[in-house]
């Protein structure tokens, strides 16, 4: 049984009065012939009538456009904006107005944007107050203004310099200093290692290893294991390293003992430390890792690397 549709004949929707049913189109939308108050006939979608999206034959929009194009806005307030002067016209969006915000900024706005729920400030109305808040070494002092729709704050760095920074950059911690850290040298540099002695620093400066014994340790371990990975069985002088069974960090006395080293692939070495962490590894952990590899627990085939 076909569903009977509602008869809208004679009903009034804003400026439109329904005369009769017109047609049903391919999209199954029903259309009605309507008469506007300006005596113009127009075929309108039923949905547009019921939901109020179609209110006239376009004469209403023309009247609104005419008002926005001719109305005198000078001196009127819209939110935080006061219209100062008219500087031009736009065929579609009405007058182009220069407005002054309560914060002191000047903003160019179209008349259409001021009406309804449009533009109400220069952009300062949507910003959060960051005054006095700290972001790394920067402290927000005052609102600096809006540049290309971005809100800026004047910030003071701990070094005493002032810098204008975007709100988004501050809140996402993209800026933590005025840039002074990248120019600091010596002990003031953020990457300075306080654990190195003067002799160690001189060795690094000359491009030499801080621990020359480590080179001898690696070579002895490689020779003992015949340059063969003790986990995968792959032989070769490239992509291998000497792994410490008892960790380097926790066992200073065993760092250069040959029996504490074992030859493995660099990829195996990375996987081991990814699973068991660093600094406090033991020989038992390595034996367990080797059993897991032999039981084919890992999907990686290190022999193909």
Protein backbone atom coordinates (compact mmCIF):
# COMPACT_ATOMS: atom_id res chain seq x y z
CA UNK A 1 0.00 0.00 0.00
CA UNK A 2 1.44 3.35 -1.04
CA UNK A 3 2.00 5.94 1.66
CA UNK A 4 -0.16 9.04 1.19
CA UNK A 5 1.80 12.27 1.26
CA UNK A 6 0.68 15.42 3.08
CA UNK A 7 -1.27 17.95 1.04
CA UNK A 8 0.24 21.44 1.49
CA UNK A 9 -2.22 23.25 -0.76
CA UNK A 10 -3.28 26.59 0.76
CA UNK A 11 -0.66 26.54 3.54
CA UNK A 12 1.57 29.60 4.14
CA UNK A 13 5.32 29.38 4.73
CA UNK A 14 6.84 32.79 5.52
CA UNK A 15 6.23 34.79 2.27
CA UNK A 16 5.14 31.77 0.21
CA UNK A 17 1.58 30.41 -0.22
CA UNK A 18 1.26 26.92 -1.71
CA UNK A 19 -1.01 26.86 -4.82
CA UNK A 20 -0.82 23.22 -5.94
CA UNK A 21 1.38 20.12 -6.19
CA UNK A 22 3.86 20.35 -9.09
CA UNK A 23 5.89 17.13 -9.52
CA UNK A 24 8.02 14.37 -8.00
CA UNK A 25 11.55 14.37 -9.39
CA UNK A 26 14.16 11.60 -9.80
CA UNK A 27 15.40 11.96 -6.23
CA UNK A 28 11.85 11.30 -4.95
CA UNK A 29 11.62 14.91 -3.69
CA UNK A 30 8.19 16.54 -4.00
CA UNK A 31 7.93 20.06 -5.44
CA UNK A 32 5.08 22.56 -5.03
CA UNK A 33 4.02 25.63 -7.00
CA UNK A 34 3.97 28.64 -4.64
CA UNK A 35 2.97 32.28 -4.86
CA UNK A 36 5.17 34.90 -3.16
CA UNK A 37 3.94 38.14 -1.58
CA UNK A 38 5.58 40.00 -4.44
CA UNK A 39 3.16 38.14 -6.82
CA UNK A 40 5.97 35.96 -8.26
CA UNK A 41 5.33 32.23 -8.76
CA UNK A 42 8.09 29.74 -7.87
CA UNK A 43 8.41 25.93 -7.72
CA UNK A 44 9.85 25.02 -4.31
CA UNK A 45 11.13 21.81 -2.71
CA UNK A 46 8.81 20.49 0.02
CA UNK A 47 11.73 20.05 2.42
CA UNK A 48 12.74 23.70 1.95
CA UNK A 49 9.21 24.79 2.92
CA UNK A 50 8.93 22.60 6.02
CA UNK A 51 12.41 23.31 7.40
CA UNK A 52 12.28 27.04 6.66
CA UNK A 53 15.28 27.16 4.34
CA UNK A 54 13.15 28.67 1.53
CA UNK A 55 11.21 31.74 2.67
CA UNK A 56 10.52 33.66 -0.55
CA UNK A 57 11.12 33.79 -4.28
CA UNK A 58 14.52 35.46 -3.61
CA UNK A 59 12.98 38.90 -3.00
CA UNK A 60 13.69 38.62 0.75
CA UNK A 61 17.41 38.07 0.14
CA UNK A 62 17.51 41.02 -2.25
CA UNK A 63 15.95 43.28 0.41
CA UNK A 64 18.47 42.15 3.04
CA UNK A 65 21.36 42.65 0.60
CA UNK A 66 20.10 46.13 -0.28
CA UNK A 67 19.98 47.06 3.41
CA UNK A 68 23.50 45.84 4.07
CA UNK A 69 24.79 47.71 1.00
CA UNK A 70 23.13 51.03 1.87
CA UNK A 71 22.87 51.08 5.67
CA UNK A 72 25.09 53.52 7.58
CA UNK A 73 27.14 51.46 10.09
CA UNK A 74 29.52 54.22 11.25
CA UNK A 75 29.52 54.50 15.04
CA UNK A 76 27.60 51.23 15.59
CA UNK A 77 28.99 48.58 17.94
CA UNK A 78 29.14 44.85 17.15
CA UNK A 79 30.54 42.96 20.13
CA UNK A 80 33.99 44.45 20.78
CA UNK A 81 34.11 46.24 17.40
CA UNK A 82 33.08 49.83 16.67
CA UNK A 83 32.75 50.84 13.01
CA UNK A 84 35.01 53.80 12.18
CA UNK A 85 34.52 54.28 8.45
CA UNK A 86 33.40 52.73 5.17
CA UNK A 87 36.30 52.00 2.83
CA UNK A 88 34.63 50.19 -0.09
CA UNK A 89 31.94 47.85 -1.45
CA UNK A 90 31.65 44.20 -2.37
CA UNK A 91 28.84 43.08 -4.71
CA UNK A 92 28.07 39.92 -2.75
CA UNK A 93 29.07 40.75 0.83
CA UNK A 94 28.06 44.39 1.12
CA UNK A 95 30.12 47.26 2.51
CA UNK A 96 33.75 46.90 3.54
CA UNK A 97 34.23 48.56 6.93
CA UNK A 98 37.19 49.59 9.07
CA UNK A 99 36.51 48.76 12.72
CA UNK A 100 38.35 49.39 15.97
CA UNK A 101 38.44 46.70 18.65
CA UNK A 102 38.29 47.42 22.39
CA UNK A 103 41.87 46.09 22.65
CA UNK A 104 43.04 48.87 20.28
CA UNK A 105 43.57 46.82 17.11
CA UNK A 106 42.12 47.85 13.73
CA UNK A 107 40.26 45.19 11.70
CA UNK A 108 38.76 45.29 8.18
CA UNK A 109 35.38 43.51 8.10
CA UNK A 110 32.60 42.91 5.54
CA UNK A 111 29.17 44.15 6.64
CA UNK A 112 27.69 40.64 6.24
CA UNK A 113 30.17 39.29 8.80
CA UNK A 114 29.10 41.79 11.46
CA UNK A 115 25.44 40.75 11.37
CA UNK A 116 24.01 37.78 13.27
CA UNK A 117 26.61 35.51 14.90
CA UNK A 118 29.49 36.85 12.79
CA UNK A 119 32.67 38.72 13.65
CA UNK A 120 32.61 40.24 17.15
CA UNK A 121 36.29 41.06 17.77
CA UNK A 122 39.68 41.36 16.10
CA UNK A 123 40.50 37.86 17.34
CA UNK A 124 41.36 38.76 20.92
CA UNK A 125 37.92 37.57 22.03
CA UNK A 126 38.74 33.91 21.35
CA UNK A 127 42.14 33.91 23.05
CA UNK A 128 42.89 32.60 26.53
CA UNK A 129 44.56 34.84 29.08
CA UNK A 130 48.18 33.66 29.39
CA UNK A 131 49.43 36.64 31.38
CA UNK A 132 51.90 35.55 34.08
CA UNK A 133 52.07 31.92 32.90
CA UNK A 134 55.46 30.23 32.37
CA UNK A 135 56.43 28.17 29.32
CA UNK A 136 59.94 26.79 29.81
CA UNK A 137 62.13 29.88 30.29
CA UNK A 138 59.47 32.24 28.86
CA UNK A 139 56.92 34.15 30.96
CA UNK A 140 53.94 35.77 29.16
CA UNK A 141 53.82 39.49 30.06
CA UNK A 142 51.07 41.01 27.89
CA UNK A 143 48.93 40.64 24.79
CA UNK A 144 50.97 41.76 21.75
CA UNK A 145 48.28 41.80 19.05
CA UNK A 146 46.81 39.76 16.19
CA UNK A 147 48.88 39.25 13.03
CA UNK A 148 47.32 37.33 10.12
CA UNK A 149 44.64 35.88 12.42
CA UNK A 150 47.27 34.61 14.90
CA UNK A 151 47.30 35.86 18.51
CA UNK A 152 50.75 36.91 19.80
CA UNK A 153 52.01 37.44 23.37
CA UNK A 154 55.04 39.41 24.51
CA UNK A 155 57.17 37.07 26.64
CA UNK A 156 60.24 37.65 28.78
CA UNK A 157 62.99 35.04 28.82
CA UNK A 158 65.03 34.24 31.94
CA UNK A 159 68.01 35.78 30.15
CA UNK A 160 66.16 39.13 30.14
CA UNK A 161 65.25 39.37 26.43
CA UNK A 162 61.69 40.02 25.14
CA UNK A 163 60.15 37.95 22.34
CA UNK A 164 56.70 37.93 20.65
CA UNK A 165 55.38 34.35 20.39
CA UNK A 166 52.18 32.85 18.96
CA UNK A 167 49.67 31.46 21.47
CA UNK A 168 49.65 28.08 19.73
CA UNK A 169 53.45 27.79 19.90
CA UNK A 170 53.40 28.53 23.63
CA UNK A 171 50.62 26.08 24.46
CA UNK A 172 52.18 23.28 22.39
CA UNK A 173 55.59 24.00 24.00
CA UNK A 174 57.22 24.69 20.62
CA UNK A 175 59.01 27.72 22.13
CA UNK A 176 60.65 27.40 25.54
CA UNK A 177 63.33 30.09 25.22
CA UNK A 178 64.02 33.26 23.23
CA UNK A 179 66.74 31.32 21.39
CA UNK A 180 69.51 32.03 23.88
CA UNK A 181 70.22 28.35 24.66
CA UNK A 182 71.47 27.50 21.19
CA UNK A 183 74.21 30.13 21.49
CA UNK A 184 75.52 29.02 24.91
CA UNK A 185 78.84 27.18 25.08
CA UNK A 186 80.80 25.20 27.64
CA UNK A 187 79.21 24.34 30.99
CA UNK A 188 76.12 26.46 30.23
CA UNK A 189 75.24 24.33 27.17
CA UNK A 190 72.29 21.97 27.80
CA UNK A 191 74.24 18.97 26.36
CA UNK A 192 77.34 19.49 28.57
CA UNK A 193 78.44 16.18 30.17
CA UNK A 194 79.65 16.94 33.70
CA UNK A 195 80.97 13.37 34.18
CA UNK A 196 83.86 13.75 31.68
CA UNK A 197 87.34 14.76 32.84
CA UNK A 198 89.61 17.26 31.04
CA UNK A 199 91.64 14.36 29.59
CA UNK A 200 88.46 12.69 28.24
CA UNK A 201 87.36 15.96 26.64
CA UNK A 202 90.74 16.36 24.97
CA UNK A 203 90.52 12.82 23.55
CA UNK A 204 87.05 13.57 22.15
CA UNK A 205 88.28 16.84 20.66
CA UNK A 206 91.14 15.00 18.88
CA UNK A 207 88.66 12.45 17.48
CA UNK A 208 89.96 9.53 19.60
CA UNK A 209 88.10 6.94 21.68
CA UNK A 210 87.85 7.78 25.39
CA UNK A 211 88.45 4.09 26.18
CA UNK A 212 91.23 2.75 23.88
CA UNK A 213 90.94 -0.60 25.72
CA UNK A 214 87.48 -1.04 24.21
CA UNK A 215 88.94 -1.42 20.70
CA UNK A 216 91.26 -4.17 21.88
CA UNK A 217 88.37 -5.86 23.74
CA UNK A 218 86.17 -5.91 20.60
CA UNK A 219 88.93 -7.28 18.36
CA UNK A 220 89.77 -10.08 20.83
CA UNK A 221 86.11 -11.09 21.15
CA UNK A 222 85.69 -11.12 17.35
CA UNK A 223 88.81 -13.29 16.87
CA UNK A 224 87.72 -15.74 19.59
CA UNK A 225 84.26 -16.15 17.97
CA UNK A 226 85.74 -16.23 14.44
CA UNK A 227 83.68 -13.14 13.47
CA UNK A 228 80.48 -15.23 13.77
CA UNK A 229 77.23 -14.19 15.42
CA UNK A 230 76.66 -16.54 18.39
CA UNK A 231 72.87 -16.29 18.05
CA UNK A 232 72.19 -16.62 14.31
CA UNK A 233 75.44 -18.30 13.19
CA UNK A 234 75.97 -15.69 10.46
CA UNK A 235 79.66 -15.00 9.71
CA UNK A 236 81.16 -11.70 8.56
CA UNK A 237 83.15 -8.70 9.75
CA UNK A 238 80.40 -6.20 8.95
CA UNK A 239 77.31 -5.47 11.04
CA UNK A 240 78.63 -7.28 14.11
CA UNK A 241 79.33 -5.96 17.60
CA UNK A 242 80.73 -7.16 20.94
CA UNK A 243 77.91 -7.48 23.46
CA UNK A 244 78.65 -7.36 27.22
CA UNK A 245 77.03 -10.32 28.99
CA UNK A 246 77.22 -8.52 32.34
CA UNK A 247 76.26 -4.92 31.65
CA UNK A 248 78.87 -2.20 31.01
CA UNK A 249 77.05 0.22 33.30
CA UNK A 250 76.81 -1.94 36.43
CA UNK A 251 80.07 -3.91 36.18
CA UNK A 252 83.06 -1.60 35.73
CA UNK A 253 85.55 -4.36 36.62
CA UNK A 254 84.28 -6.62 33.80
CA UNK A 255 84.15 -4.04 31.03
CA UNK A 256 87.28 -5.22 29.19
CA UNK A 257 87.34 -8.89 30.24
CA UNK A 258 87.23 -11.12 27.16
CA UNK A 259 85.00 -13.78 28.80
CA UNK A 260 82.35 -11.08 29.41
CA UNK A 261 81.97 -10.38 25.67
CA UNK A 262 80.14 -12.22 22.89
CA UNK A 263 79.84 -11.53 19.14
CA UNK A 264 76.33 -10.85 17.78
CA UNK A 265 74.75 -8.99 14.87
CA UNK A 266 73.94 -5.32 15.42
CA UNK A 267 70.27 -6.03 14.60
CA UNK A 268 70.21 -8.80 17.25
CA UNK A 269 71.88 -6.42 19.68
CA UNK A 270 69.15 -3.79 19.13
CA UNK A 271 66.37 -6.36 19.60
CA UNK A 272 67.93 -7.67 22.82
CA UNK A 273 68.08 -4.22 24.41
CA UNK A 274 64.58 -3.42 23.13
CA UNK A 275 63.26 -6.47 25.03
CA UNK A 276 65.44 -6.33 28.17
CA UNK A 277 66.32 -2.65 28.43
CA UNK A 278 69.79 -1.21 29.11
CA UNK A 279 72.29 -0.58 31.96
CA UNK A 280 71.47 -3.60 34.16
CA UNK A 281 71.57 -6.59 31.79
CA UNK A 282 72.86 -10.00 32.87
CA UNK A 283 74.23 -13.20 31.33
CA UNK A 284 71.02 -15.04 32.32
CA UNK A 285 68.98 -12.58 30.23
CA UNK A 286 71.15 -13.29 27.19
CA UNK A 287 70.80 -17.08 27.63
CA UNK A 288 67.02 -16.64 27.87
CA UNK A 289 67.02 -14.45 24.75
CA UNK A 290 69.04 -17.07 22.84
CA UNK A 291 66.55 -19.84 23.78
CA UNK A 292 63.64 -17.65 22.64
CA UNK A 293 65.36 -17.13 19.29
CA UNK A 294 66.07 -20.86 18.83
CA UNK A 295 62.39 -21.63 19.59
CA UNK A 296 61.46 -19.28 16.69
CA UNK A 297 59.54 -16.91 18.94
CA UNK A 298 60.58 -13.91 16.82
CA UNK A 299 59.24 -13.30 13.30
CA UNK A 300 62.49 -11.58 12.23
CA UNK A 301 64.97 -13.70 10.25
CA UNK A 302 68.31 -12.13 11.12
CA UNK A 303 70.14 -14.27 8.58
CA UNK A 304 68.49 -12.18 5.82
CA UNK A 305 69.62 -8.86 7.36
